[in-house]
């Protein structure tokens, strides 16, 4: 995954597909499936789309089930 930050965020779908990822390079978000870039967007475009389709309630429902697991290795400063 070449675009975005040094951190990839995994998105597990309802059916258990764990091959979706996104990276951020503010304000752009790059989406990947099986390490192939499948698209990009920015936050403003995503919010505009969600508002246009009245999907705010869906987002709120999804957020309740979000789990964050930080697997980055930290370096000791000793």
N, C-alpha and C. Protein backbone atom coordinates (compact mmCIF):
# COMPACT_ATOMS: atom_id res chain seq x y z
N UNK A 1 0.86 -1.17 0.00
CA UNK A 1 0.00 0.00 0.00
C UNK A 1 0.90 1.23 0.00
N UNK A 2 0.92 1.90 -1.12
CA UNK A 2 1.88 2.98 -1.30
C UNK A 2 1.38 4.34 -0.86
N UNK A 3 0.11 4.59 -0.95
CA UNK A 3 -0.42 5.91 -0.59
C UNK A 3 -0.78 5.97 0.89
N UNK A 4 -0.80 7.15 1.43
CA UNK A 4 -1.25 7.32 2.81
C UNK A 4 -0.12 7.28 3.81
N UNK A 5 -0.49 7.10 5.04
CA UNK A 5 0.47 7.10 6.14
C UNK A 5 1.18 5.77 6.25
N UNK A 6 2.00 5.65 7.25
CA UNK A 6 2.69 4.39 7.50
C UNK A 6 1.81 3.40 8.26
N UNK A 7 0.56 3.76 8.51
CA UNK A 7 -0.35 2.90 9.27
C UNK A 7 -1.50 2.49 8.37
N UNK A 8 -1.78 1.18 8.32
CA UNK A 8 -2.93 0.67 7.58
C UNK A 8 -3.98 0.24 8.59
N UNK A 9 -5.21 0.64 8.36
CA UNK A 9 -6.32 0.30 9.23
C UNK A 9 -7.13 -0.81 8.59
N UNK A 10 -7.28 -1.93 9.29
CA UNK A 10 -8.01 -3.08 8.75
C UNK A 10 -9.50 -2.90 9.02
N UNK A 11 -10.30 -3.27 8.04
CA UNK A 11 -11.76 -3.22 8.17
C UNK A 11 -12.27 -4.64 7.96
N UNK A 12 -12.84 -5.21 8.98
CA UNK A 12 -13.42 -6.55 8.86
C UNK A 12 -14.90 -6.40 8.51
N UNK A 13 -15.32 -7.05 7.45
CA UNK A 13 -16.71 -6.97 7.03
C UNK A 13 -17.57 -7.92 7.84
N UNK A 14 -18.89 -7.78 7.71
CA UNK A 14 -19.84 -8.61 8.44
C UNK A 14 -19.62 -10.09 8.14
N UNK A 15 -19.27 -10.41 6.90
CA UNK A 15 -19.07 -11.81 6.54
C UNK A 15 -17.66 -12.31 6.88
N UNK A 16 -16.87 -11.48 7.56
CA UNK A 16 -15.57 -11.92 8.05
C UNK A 16 -14.41 -11.67 7.11
N UNK A 17 -14.64 -11.01 5.98
CA UNK A 17 -13.55 -10.69 5.05
C UNK A 17 -12.65 -9.66 5.71
N UNK A 18 -11.42 -10.03 5.97
CA UNK A 18 -10.49 -9.11 6.63
C UNK A 18 -9.41 -8.62 5.67
N UNK A 19 -9.75 -8.49 4.42
CA UNK A 19 -8.78 -8.06 3.43
C UNK A 19 -9.02 -6.62 2.98
N UNK A 20 -9.83 -5.86 3.71
CA UNK A 20 -10.07 -4.46 3.40
C UNK A 20 -9.24 -3.59 4.33
N UNK A 21 -8.59 -2.59 3.76
CA UNK A 21 -7.75 -1.69 4.53
C UNK A 21 -7.95 -0.27 4.03
N UNK A 22 -7.56 0.68 4.89
CA UNK A 22 -7.46 2.05 4.42
C UNK A 22 -6.27 2.71 5.07
N UNK A 23 -5.72 3.69 4.36
CA UNK A 23 -4.65 4.51 4.89
C UNK A 23 -5.07 5.96 4.74
N UNK A 24 -4.45 6.83 5.50
CA UNK A 24 -4.81 8.25 5.45
C UNK A 24 -3.59 9.09 5.09
N UNK A 25 -3.82 10.08 4.28
CA UNK A 25 -2.86 11.13 4.01
C UNK A 25 -3.71 12.38 3.92
N UNK A 26 -3.98 12.99 5.09
CA UNK A 26 -4.98 14.05 5.20
C UNK A 26 -4.92 15.01 4.04
N UNK A 27 -6.06 15.30 3.43
CA UNK A 27 -7.40 14.88 3.80
C UNK A 27 -7.87 13.62 3.06
N UNK A 28 -6.99 12.96 2.33
CA UNK A 28 -7.40 11.84 1.48
C UNK A 28 -7.30 10.51 2.22
N UNK A 29 -8.29 9.65 1.97
CA UNK A 29 -8.31 8.29 2.50
C UNK A 29 -8.24 7.35 1.30
N UNK A 30 -7.31 6.40 1.34
CA UNK A 30 -7.12 5.44 0.26
C UNK A 30 -7.65 4.09 0.72
N UNK A 31 -8.45 3.44 -0.13
CA UNK A 31 -9.06 2.16 0.20
C UNK A 31 -8.39 1.03 -0.58
N UNK A 32 -8.18 -0.10 0.09
CA UNK A 32 -7.50 -1.24 -0.51
C UNK A 32 -8.29 -2.52 -0.24
N UNK A 33 -8.20 -3.45 -1.19
CA UNK A 33 -8.71 -4.80 -0.98
C UNK A 33 -7.62 -5.74 -1.44
N UNK A 34 -7.17 -6.59 -0.53
CA UNK A 34 -6.07 -7.54 -0.81
C UNK A 34 -4.85 -6.80 -1.38
N UNK A 35 -4.51 -5.69 -0.72
CA UNK A 35 -3.34 -4.86 -1.04
C UNK A 35 -3.40 -4.17 -2.40
N UNK A 36 -4.56 -4.14 -3.04
CA UNK A 36 -4.73 -3.41 -4.30
C UNK A 36 -5.60 -2.20 -4.03
N UNK A 37 -5.12 -1.03 -4.45
CA UNK A 37 -5.92 0.19 -4.24
C UNK A 37 -7.18 0.12 -5.07
N UNK A 38 -8.33 0.33 -4.40
CA UNK A 38 -9.62 0.25 -5.10
C UNK A 38 -10.32 1.60 -5.17
N UNK A 39 -9.74 2.62 -4.55
CA UNK A 39 -10.34 3.94 -4.63
C UNK A 39 -9.82 4.86 -3.55
N UNK A 40 -10.26 6.09 -3.62
CA UNK A 40 -9.89 7.08 -2.61
C UNK A 40 -10.99 8.12 -2.50
N UNK A 41 -10.97 8.83 -1.41
CA UNK A 41 -11.96 9.88 -1.16
C UNK A 41 -11.39 10.81 -0.12
N UNK A 42 -12.06 11.91 0.10
CA UNK A 42 -11.68 12.75 1.23
C UNK A 42 -12.87 12.84 2.17
N UNK A 43 -12.59 13.26 3.39
CA UNK A 43 -13.62 13.28 4.44
C UNK A 43 -14.83 14.11 4.01
N UNK A 44 -14.61 15.27 3.42
CA UNK A 44 -15.74 16.12 3.02
C UNK A 44 -16.65 15.42 2.02
N UNK A 45 -16.06 14.71 1.05
CA UNK A 45 -16.87 13.98 0.06
C UNK A 45 -17.67 12.87 0.73
N UNK A 46 -17.04 12.18 1.68
CA UNK A 46 -17.72 11.08 2.37
C UNK A 46 -18.89 11.61 3.19
N UNK A 47 -18.69 12.70 3.90
CA UNK A 47 -19.76 13.29 4.71
C UNK A 47 -20.89 13.78 3.81
N UNK A 48 -20.55 14.40 2.70
CA UNK A 48 -21.57 14.87 1.76
C UNK A 48 -22.41 13.70 1.24
N UNK A 49 -21.75 12.59 0.90
CA UNK A 49 -22.45 11.40 0.41
C UNK A 49 -23.38 10.84 1.48
N UNK A 50 -22.86 10.70 2.71
CA UNK A 50 -23.67 10.15 3.80
C UNK A 50 -24.88 11.03 4.08
N UNK A 51 -24.68 12.34 4.09
CA UNK A 51 -25.80 13.25 4.34
C UNK A 51 -26.83 13.20 3.21
N UNK A 52 -26.35 13.12 1.98
CA UNK A 52 -27.26 13.07 0.83
C UNK A 52 -28.15 11.82 0.87
N UNK A 53 -27.60 10.72 1.39
CA UNK A 53 -28.33 9.45 1.43
C UNK A 53 -28.91 9.14 2.81
N UNK A 54 -28.89 10.13 3.71
CA UNK A 54 -29.42 9.95 5.07
C UNK A 54 -28.87 8.70 5.75
N UNK A 55 -27.57 8.50 5.64
CA UNK A 55 -26.94 7.31 6.21
C UNK A 55 -26.27 7.56 7.55
N UNK A 56 -26.53 8.68 8.17
CA UNK A 56 -25.94 8.98 9.47
C UNK A 56 -26.27 7.94 10.52
N UNK A 57 -27.49 7.43 10.51
CA UNK A 57 -27.89 6.42 11.50
C UNK A 57 -27.11 5.11 11.30
N UNK A 58 -26.82 4.77 10.03
CA UNK A 58 -26.03 3.57 9.76
C UNK A 58 -24.62 3.73 10.32
N UNK A 59 -24.05 4.91 10.14
CA UNK A 59 -22.71 5.17 10.65
C UNK A 59 -22.70 5.05 12.17
N UNK A 60 -23.68 5.64 12.82
CA UNK A 60 -23.76 5.57 14.29
C UNK A 60 -23.89 4.13 14.76
N UNK A 61 -24.62 3.31 14.04
CA UNK A 61 -24.79 1.90 14.40
C UNK A 61 -23.46 1.15 14.25
N UNK A 62 -22.74 1.43 13.19
CA UNK A 62 -21.45 0.79 12.95
C UNK A 62 -20.44 1.20 14.01
N UNK A 63 -20.43 2.48 14.35
CA UNK A 63 -19.46 2.99 15.32
C UNK A 63 -19.57 2.28 16.66
N UNK A 64 -20.77 1.88 17.03
CA UNK A 64 -20.96 1.18 18.30
C UNK A 64 -20.22 -0.15 18.34
N UNK A 65 -19.93 -0.72 17.18
CA UNK A 65 -19.27 -2.03 17.11
C UNK A 65 -17.79 -1.94 16.71
N UNK A 66 -17.26 -0.74 16.66
CA UNK A 66 -15.86 -0.56 16.26
C UNK A 66 -14.93 -0.99 17.39
N UNK A 67 -13.92 -1.73 17.02
CA UNK A 67 -12.88 -2.14 17.96
C UNK A 67 -11.55 -1.66 17.40
N UNK A 68 -10.75 -1.05 18.24
CA UNK A 68 -9.44 -0.57 17.81
C UNK A 68 -8.37 -1.40 18.49
N UNK A 69 -7.51 -1.96 17.69
CA UNK A 69 -6.40 -2.74 18.19
C UNK A 69 -5.13 -2.20 17.54
N UNK A 70 -4.30 -1.55 18.33
CA UNK A 70 -3.08 -0.95 17.81
C UNK A 70 -1.95 -1.98 17.88
N UNK A 71 -1.53 -2.45 16.72
CA UNK A 71 -0.48 -3.46 16.67
C UNK A 71 0.88 -2.88 16.28
N UNK A 72 0.98 -1.55 16.29
CA UNK A 72 2.26 -0.95 15.98
C UNK A 72 3.25 -1.25 17.10
N UNK A 73 4.47 -1.43 16.72
CA UNK A 73 5.52 -1.67 17.71
C UNK A 73 6.04 -0.33 18.18
N UNK A 74 6.13 -0.16 19.47
CA UNK A 74 6.67 1.08 20.00
C UNK A 74 8.13 0.88 20.31
N UNK A 75 8.89 1.93 20.13
CA UNK A 75 10.31 1.86 20.42
C UNK A 75 10.56 2.45 21.79
N UNK A 76 11.42 1.83 22.52
CA UNK A 76 11.73 2.32 23.87
C UNK A 76 12.72 3.46 23.76
N UNK A 77 12.58 4.42 24.62
CA UNK A 77 13.43 5.61 24.60
C UNK A 77 14.48 5.55 25.69
N UNK A 78 14.82 4.34 26.12
CA UNK A 78 15.85 4.18 27.16
C UNK A 78 17.23 4.30 26.59
